[in-house]
Amino acid sequence: MALPPGPYAGTSTLSLVARASAFSFGLVYGSIKLKYLKAKAKSQRKLKQRLTAEARRFVHS
């Protein structure tokens, strides 16, 4: 037995606007999250390089 369609599942203007808004929100959210994750990865890479360089200096001294 199938469930009745929800308020945003049809072809009404409200459902089209709701889907477009959800899609747009997803794009914006994904873009911001990707930028954040790239910045975080870059920061962690720099930290790892710095710690590796310091460890090498410590070993050689």
N, C-alpha and C. Protein backbone atom coordinates (compact mmCIF):
# COMPACT_ATOMS: atom_id res chain seq x y z
N MET A 1 0.84 -1.16 0.00
CA MET A 1 0.00 0.00 0.00
C MET A 1 0.91 1.25 0.00
N ALA A 2 0.73 2.09 -0.98
CA ALA A 2 1.56 3.28 -1.12
C ALA A 2 1.02 4.40 -0.24
N LEU A 3 1.93 5.18 0.28
CA LEU A 3 1.54 6.34 1.09
C LEU A 3 1.02 7.44 0.18
N PRO A 4 0.12 8.25 0.66
CA PRO A 4 -0.35 9.37 -0.15
C PRO A 4 0.79 10.36 -0.35
N PRO A 5 0.82 11.04 -1.49
CA PRO A 5 1.91 11.98 -1.73
C PRO A 5 1.90 13.13 -0.72
N GLY A 6 3.08 13.62 -0.39
CA GLY A 6 3.21 14.71 0.56
C GLY A 6 2.85 16.04 -0.08
N PRO A 7 2.88 17.11 0.69
CA PRO A 7 2.47 18.42 0.18
C PRO A 7 3.42 18.98 -0.87
N TYR A 8 4.65 18.45 -0.95
CA TYR A 8 5.62 18.98 -1.91
C TYR A 8 5.94 17.97 -3.01
N ALA A 9 5.10 16.96 -3.18
CA ALA A 9 5.39 15.90 -4.13
C ALA A 9 4.67 16.09 -5.47
N GLY A 10 3.77 17.00 -5.56
CA GLY A 10 2.98 17.15 -6.78
C GLY A 10 3.56 18.11 -7.78
N THR A 11 2.68 18.66 -8.61
CA THR A 11 3.13 19.59 -9.66
C THR A 11 2.64 21.01 -9.38
N SER A 12 2.19 21.26 -8.17
CA SER A 12 1.70 22.60 -7.84
C SER A 12 2.88 23.58 -7.79
N THR A 13 2.56 24.84 -7.81
CA THR A 13 3.60 25.88 -7.74
C THR A 13 4.38 25.77 -6.45
N LEU A 14 3.69 25.51 -5.36
CA LEU A 14 4.36 25.38 -4.07
C LEU A 14 5.37 24.23 -4.09
N SER A 15 4.98 23.11 -4.67
CA SER A 15 5.90 21.97 -4.70
C SER A 15 7.10 22.26 -5.58
N LEU A 16 6.90 22.94 -6.70
CA LEU A 16 8.02 23.29 -7.58
C LEU A 16 8.97 24.26 -6.89
N VAL A 17 8.41 25.26 -6.20
CA VAL A 17 9.24 26.22 -5.47
C VAL A 17 9.99 25.52 -4.34
N ALA A 18 9.32 24.62 -3.64
CA ALA A 18 9.95 23.91 -2.53
C ALA A 18 11.11 23.06 -3.03
N ARG A 19 10.92 22.36 -4.14
CA ARG A 19 12.01 21.54 -4.68
C ARG A 19 13.16 22.40 -5.18
N ALA A 20 12.85 23.50 -5.85
CA ALA A 20 13.90 24.40 -6.33
C ALA A 20 14.67 25.01 -5.17
N SER A 21 13.95 25.37 -4.12
CA SER A 21 14.61 25.95 -2.94
C SER A 21 15.51 24.92 -2.27
N ALA A 22 15.03 23.71 -2.15
CA ALA A 22 15.82 22.65 -1.52
C ALA A 22 17.07 22.36 -2.35
N PHE A 23 16.91 22.34 -3.66
CA PHE A 23 18.05 22.10 -4.55
C PHE A 23 19.07 23.23 -4.42
N SER A 24 18.59 24.47 -4.43
CA SER A 24 19.49 25.62 -4.30
C SER A 24 20.21 25.60 -2.96
N PHE A 25 19.47 25.32 -1.91
CA PHE A 25 20.07 25.24 -0.58
C PHE A 25 21.15 24.16 -0.56
N GLY A 26 20.88 23.02 -1.18
CA GLY A 26 21.86 21.94 -1.23
C GLY A 26 23.13 22.36 -1.95
N LEU A 27 22.98 23.09 -3.05
CA LEU A 27 24.16 23.56 -3.79
C LEU A 27 24.99 24.52 -2.95
N VAL A 28 24.32 25.47 -2.31
CA VAL A 28 25.03 26.46 -1.49
C VAL A 28 25.70 25.78 -0.30
N TYR A 29 24.97 24.92 0.37
CA TYR A 29 25.51 24.21 1.53
C TYR A 29 26.71 23.35 1.12
N GLY A 30 26.58 22.63 0.03
CA GLY A 30 27.66 21.78 -0.45
C GLY A 30 28.89 22.59 -0.81
N SER A 31 28.68 23.73 -1.44
CA SER A 31 29.79 24.59 -1.83
C SER A 31 30.53 25.12 -0.60
N ILE A 32 29.79 25.57 0.39
CA ILE A 32 30.41 26.08 1.62
C ILE A 32 31.14 24.97 2.36
N LYS A 33 30.52 23.81 2.43
CA LYS A 33 31.14 22.69 3.14
C LYS A 33 32.43 22.25 2.43
N LEU A 34 32.41 22.23 1.10
CA LEU A 34 33.60 21.85 0.35
C LEU A 34 34.73 22.84 0.58
N LYS A 35 34.42 24.14 0.59
CA LYS A 35 35.45 25.14 0.86
C LYS A 35 36.03 24.95 2.26
N TYR A 36 35.18 24.69 3.23
CA TYR A 36 35.63 24.47 4.60
C TYR A 36 36.54 23.25 4.69
N LEU A 37 36.13 22.15 4.05
CA LEU A 37 36.93 20.94 4.13
C LEU A 37 38.27 21.09 3.41
N LYS A 38 38.28 21.83 2.30
CA LYS A 38 39.54 22.07 1.60
C LYS A 38 40.48 22.90 2.47
N ALA A 39 39.95 23.94 3.11
CA ALA A 39 40.77 24.78 3.98
C ALA A 39 41.30 23.98 5.16
N LYS A 40 40.46 23.12 5.72
CA LYS A 40 40.88 22.30 6.86
C LYS A 40 41.98 21.33 6.44
N ALA A 41 41.84 20.72 5.27
CA ALA A 41 42.86 19.79 4.79
C ALA A 41 44.17 20.52 4.53
N LYS A 42 44.09 21.72 3.97
CA LYS A 42 45.30 22.50 3.71
C LYS A 42 46.00 22.85 5.02
N SER A 43 45.22 23.24 6.02
CA SER A 43 45.78 23.58 7.33
C SER A 43 46.46 22.36 7.96
N GLN A 44 45.83 21.21 7.86
CA GLN A 44 46.41 20.00 8.43
C GLN A 44 47.69 19.59 7.70
N ARG A 45 47.70 19.78 6.37
CA ARG A 45 48.91 19.48 5.59
C ARG A 45 50.06 20.38 6.01
N LYS A 46 49.78 21.67 6.19
CA LYS A 46 50.82 22.62 6.62
C LYS A 46 51.35 22.24 8.00
N LEU A 47 50.45 21.90 8.91
CA LEU A 47 50.86 21.51 10.26
C LEU A 47 51.75 20.27 10.22
N LYS A 48 51.36 19.29 9.40
CA LYS A 48 52.14 18.07 9.30
C LYS A 48 53.53 18.37 8.74
N GLN A 49 53.60 19.23 7.74
CA GLN A 49 54.90 19.60 7.16
C GLN A 49 55.77 20.31 8.20
N ARG A 50 55.16 21.21 8.95
CA ARG A 50 55.90 21.95 9.97
C ARG A 50 56.42 20.99 11.05
N LEU A 51 55.58 20.07 11.49
CA LEU A 51 56.01 19.13 12.52
C LEU A 51 57.09 18.19 12.00
N THR A 52 56.99 17.78 10.74
CA THR A 52 58.01 16.92 10.15
C THR A 52 59.34 17.66 10.07
N ALA A 53 59.31 18.92 9.66
CA ALA A 53 60.53 19.72 9.57
C ALA A 53 61.17 19.90 10.94
N GLU A 54 60.34 20.16 11.95
CA GLU A 54 60.87 20.32 13.31
C GLU A 54 61.44 19.01 13.83
N ALA A 55 60.82 17.90 13.50
CA ALA A 55 61.31 16.60 13.94
C ALA A 55 62.66 16.31 13.29
N ARG A 56 62.80 16.67 12.02
CA ARG A 56 64.08 16.46 11.34
C ARG A 56 65.18 17.30 12.00
N ARG A 57 64.85 18.56 12.32
CA ARG A 57 65.83 19.43 12.98
C ARG A 57 66.23 18.85 14.34
N PHE A 58 65.26 18.32 15.04
CA PHE A 58 65.51 17.75 16.37
C PHE A 58 66.41 16.52 16.27
N VAL A 59 66.17 15.68 15.27
CA VAL A 59 66.95 14.46 15.10
C VAL A 59 68.38 14.80 14.70
N HIS A 60 68.55 15.80 13.86
CA HIS A 60 69.88 16.15 13.37
C HIS A 60 70.68 16.99 14.36
N SER A 61 70.06 17.49 15.40
CA SER A 61 70.83 18.32 16.34
C SER A 61 71.36 17.52 17.50
